[in-house]
Amino acid sequence: MARKAKIAKANRLKARYENQLQSGVKPTKPTRVFNACSVCGRTRGYLGLFGICRICFRERANAGELPGVRKSSW
């Protein structure tokens, strides 16, 4: 499966799950929902607070694109 398709599938399943929760209906298949990086589509190493994977997190943190994030070794 292509990365763009994987990102789209993850977003679609999350939206369906949230709609079912808001309408008060028990979600039909909650185990199908999975987390994927919104940038590259990676499913492993996902950081839920930022919504991206560890690799994309490190790239953006080193570039200074994530406010409030600093290297701990400085």
N, C-alpha and C. Protein backbone atom coordinates (compact mmCIF):
# COMPACT_ATOMS: atom_id res chain seq x y z
N MET A 1 0.85 -1.17 0.00
CA MET A 1 0.00 0.00 0.00
C MET A 1 0.90 1.24 0.00
N ALA A 2 0.58 2.18 -0.81
CA ALA A 2 1.37 3.41 -0.90
C ALA A 2 1.22 4.22 0.38
N ARG A 3 2.19 5.06 0.65
CA ARG A 3 2.17 5.86 1.88
C ARG A 3 0.97 6.81 1.93
N LYS A 4 0.67 7.46 0.83
CA LYS A 4 -0.45 8.40 0.82
C LYS A 4 -1.76 7.68 1.11
N ALA A 5 -1.89 6.48 0.57
CA ALA A 5 -3.10 5.70 0.80
C ALA A 5 -3.19 5.27 2.26
N LYS A 6 -2.05 4.97 2.87
CA LYS A 6 -2.03 4.55 4.26
C LYS A 6 -2.43 5.71 5.18
N ILE A 7 -1.94 6.90 4.87
CA ILE A 7 -2.30 8.08 5.65
C ILE A 7 -3.78 8.36 5.51
N ALA A 8 -4.30 8.27 4.30
CA ALA A 8 -5.72 8.52 4.05
C ALA A 8 -6.59 7.49 4.76
N LYS A 9 -6.16 6.23 4.74
CA LYS A 9 -6.93 5.18 5.41
C LYS A 9 -6.97 5.40 6.91
N ALA A 10 -5.85 5.78 7.50
CA ALA A 10 -5.81 6.04 8.94
C ALA A 10 -6.73 7.20 9.30
N ASN A 11 -6.70 8.27 8.52
CA ASN A 11 -7.56 9.42 8.78
C ASN A 11 -9.03 9.07 8.62
N ARG A 12 -9.33 8.27 7.61
CA ARG A 12 -10.72 7.87 7.37
C ARG A 12 -11.26 7.01 8.52
N LEU A 13 -10.44 6.07 9.00
CA LEU A 13 -10.88 5.21 10.09
C LEU A 13 -11.04 5.98 11.39
N LYS A 14 -10.13 6.94 11.65
CA LYS A 14 -10.25 7.77 12.85
C LYS A 14 -11.52 8.61 12.80
N ALA A 15 -11.82 9.17 11.64
CA ALA A 15 -13.02 9.99 11.50
C ALA A 15 -14.27 9.16 11.72
N ARG A 16 -14.30 7.97 11.16
CA ARG A 16 -15.46 7.09 11.34
C ARG A 16 -15.65 6.72 12.81
N TYR A 17 -14.55 6.41 13.48
CA TYR A 17 -14.60 6.04 14.90
C TYR A 17 -15.10 7.20 15.74
N GLU A 18 -14.60 8.41 15.48
CA GLU A 18 -15.03 9.58 16.24
C GLU A 18 -16.49 9.91 15.98
N ASN A 19 -16.95 9.75 14.75
CA ASN A 19 -18.37 9.99 14.44
C ASN A 19 -19.27 9.02 15.17
N GLN A 20 -18.85 7.76 15.25
CA GLN A 20 -19.66 6.78 15.96
C GLN A 20 -19.70 7.08 17.46
N LEU A 21 -18.60 7.56 18.01
CA LEU A 21 -18.58 7.91 19.43
C LEU A 21 -19.47 9.11 19.72
N GLN A 22 -19.44 10.11 18.84
CA GLN A 22 -20.24 11.31 19.03
C GLN A 22 -21.73 11.04 18.89
N SER A 23 -22.10 10.12 18.02
CA SER A 23 -23.52 9.83 17.81
C SER A 23 -24.08 8.90 18.89
N GLY A 24 -23.21 8.41 19.76
CA GLY A 24 -23.69 7.55 20.84
C GLY A 24 -23.82 6.10 20.47
N VAL A 25 -23.37 5.74 19.29
CA VAL A 25 -23.44 4.36 18.82
C VAL A 25 -22.15 3.65 19.22
N LYS A 26 -22.26 2.41 19.62
CA LYS A 26 -21.07 1.64 19.94
C LYS A 26 -20.27 1.42 18.65
N PRO A 27 -18.97 1.74 18.67
CA PRO A 27 -18.17 1.55 17.45
C PRO A 27 -18.18 0.10 17.00
N THR A 28 -18.35 -0.10 15.69
CA THR A 28 -18.49 -1.45 15.16
C THR A 28 -17.19 -2.24 15.23
N LYS A 29 -16.09 -1.65 14.78
CA LYS A 29 -14.80 -2.35 14.79
C LYS A 29 -13.70 -1.41 15.26
N PRO A 30 -13.63 -1.16 16.58
CA PRO A 30 -12.65 -0.19 17.07
C PRO A 30 -11.20 -0.65 16.93
N THR A 31 -10.98 -1.95 16.76
CA THR A 31 -9.60 -2.42 16.64
C THR A 31 -9.00 -2.13 15.27
N ARG A 32 -9.82 -1.72 14.31
CA ARG A 32 -9.29 -1.38 12.99
C ARG A 32 -8.58 -0.02 12.98
N VAL A 33 -8.91 0.83 13.93
CA VAL A 33 -8.31 2.16 13.97
C VAL A 33 -6.85 2.01 14.37
N PHE A 34 -5.97 2.67 13.61
CA PHE A 34 -4.54 2.63 13.93
C PHE A 34 -3.95 4.01 13.75
N ASN A 35 -2.83 4.24 14.41
CA ASN A 35 -2.14 5.52 14.34
C ASN A 35 -1.09 5.46 13.25
N ALA A 36 -1.03 6.50 12.45
CA ALA A 36 -0.02 6.61 11.41
C ALA A 36 0.49 8.04 11.38
N CYS A 37 1.75 8.19 11.07
CA CYS A 37 2.37 9.50 10.97
C CYS A 37 1.66 10.31 9.89
N SER A 38 1.35 11.56 10.20
CA SER A 38 0.65 12.39 9.23
C SER A 38 1.56 12.88 8.12
N VAL A 39 2.87 12.69 8.27
CA VAL A 39 3.82 13.15 7.26
C VAL A 39 4.22 12.01 6.32
N CYS A 40 4.69 10.91 6.92
CA CYS A 40 5.25 9.84 6.09
C CYS A 40 4.42 8.56 6.10
N GLY A 41 3.45 8.43 7.00
CA GLY A 41 2.60 7.25 7.02
C GLY A 41 3.12 6.10 7.86
N ARG A 42 4.24 6.30 8.54
CA ARG A 42 4.82 5.24 9.36
C ARG A 42 3.91 4.93 10.54
N THR A 43 3.72 3.63 10.83
CA THR A 43 2.83 3.23 11.92
C THR A 43 3.60 2.93 13.20
N ARG A 44 4.85 2.58 13.09
CA ARG A 44 5.64 2.27 14.29
C ARG A 44 6.39 3.52 14.75
N GLY A 45 6.58 3.63 16.05
CA GLY A 45 7.28 4.78 16.59
C GLY A 45 6.44 6.04 16.54
N TYR A 46 5.13 5.90 16.66
CA TYR A 46 4.19 7.02 16.57
C TYR A 46 4.14 7.76 17.89
N LEU A 47 4.28 9.09 17.86
CA LEU A 47 4.17 9.93 19.05
C LEU A 47 2.82 10.63 19.00
N GLY A 48 1.91 10.18 19.83
CA GLY A 48 0.54 10.68 19.78
C GLY A 48 0.39 12.15 20.13
N LEU A 49 1.26 12.68 20.98
CA LEU A 49 1.17 14.07 21.37
C LEU A 49 1.39 15.00 20.18
N PHE A 50 2.25 14.58 19.26
CA PHE A 50 2.56 15.40 18.10
C PHE A 50 1.89 14.88 16.82
N GLY A 51 1.47 13.63 16.80
CA GLY A 51 0.81 13.06 15.63
C GLY A 51 1.76 12.67 14.51
N ILE A 52 3.04 12.52 14.85
CA ILE A 52 4.04 12.13 13.86
C ILE A 52 4.91 11.02 14.43
N CYS A 53 5.70 10.40 13.57
CA CYS A 53 6.57 9.31 14.02
C CYS A 53 7.86 9.88 14.60
N ARG A 54 8.66 9.04 15.21
CA ARG A 54 9.88 9.47 15.88
C ARG A 54 10.90 10.05 14.91
N ILE A 55 10.93 9.55 13.69
CA ILE A 55 11.90 10.04 12.71
C ILE A 55 11.54 11.44 12.25
N CYS A 56 10.27 11.65 11.92
CA CYS A 56 9.82 12.98 11.52
C CYS A 56 9.91 13.96 12.69
N PHE A 57 9.66 13.47 13.89
CA PHE A 57 9.79 14.31 15.09
C PHE A 57 11.21 14.82 15.23
N ARG A 58 12.17 13.93 15.07
CA ARG A 58 13.57 14.33 15.23
C ARG A 58 13.99 15.32 14.16
N GLU A 59 13.57 15.09 12.92
CA GLU A 59 13.91 16.01 11.83
C GLU A 59 13.35 17.40 12.10
N ARG A 60 12.09 17.47 12.53
CA ARG A 60 11.46 18.76 12.77
C ARG A 60 12.01 19.43 14.03
N ALA A 61 12.33 18.66 15.05
CA ALA A 61 12.90 19.24 16.26
C ALA A 61 14.28 19.82 15.98
N ASN A 62 15.10 19.13 15.21
CA ASN A 62 16.43 19.63 14.88
C ASN A 62 16.37 20.86 13.99
N ALA A 63 15.33 20.95 13.17
CA ALA A 63 15.16 22.11 12.30
C ALA A 63 14.53 23.28 13.04
N GLY A 64 14.04 23.05 14.26
CA GLY A 64 13.42 24.12 15.04
C GLY A 64 11.98 24.38 14.68
N GLU A 65 11.31 23.42 14.08
CA GLU A 65 9.93 23.60 13.64
C GLU A 65 8.91 23.24 14.72
N LEU A 66 9.36 22.64 15.82
CA LEU A 66 8.46 22.28 16.92
C LEU A 66 8.74 23.22 18.10
N PRO A 67 7.84 24.15 18.37
CA PRO A 67 8.10 25.09 19.46
C PRO A 67 8.10 24.40 20.82
N GLY A 68 9.06 24.77 21.65
CA GLY A 68 9.14 24.23 23.00
C GLY A 68 9.91 22.94 23.11
N VAL A 69 10.44 22.41 22.02
CA VAL A 69 11.18 21.15 22.04
C VAL A 69 12.67 21.47 21.94
N ARG A 70 13.44 20.93 22.89
CA ARG A 70 14.88 21.15 22.91
C ARG A 70 15.58 19.82 23.09
N LYS A 71 16.84 19.77 22.66
CA LYS A 71 17.65 18.59 22.90
C LYS A 71 17.98 18.53 24.39
N SER A 72 17.95 17.34 24.94
CA SER A 72 18.22 17.21 26.38
C SER A 72 19.71 17.22 26.68
N SER A 73 20.55 17.03 25.68
CA SER A 73 21.98 16.94 25.91
C SER A 73 22.69 18.29 25.87
N TRP A 74 21.97 19.38 25.67
CA TRP A 74 22.62 20.69 25.58
C TRP A 74 22.89 21.24 26.92
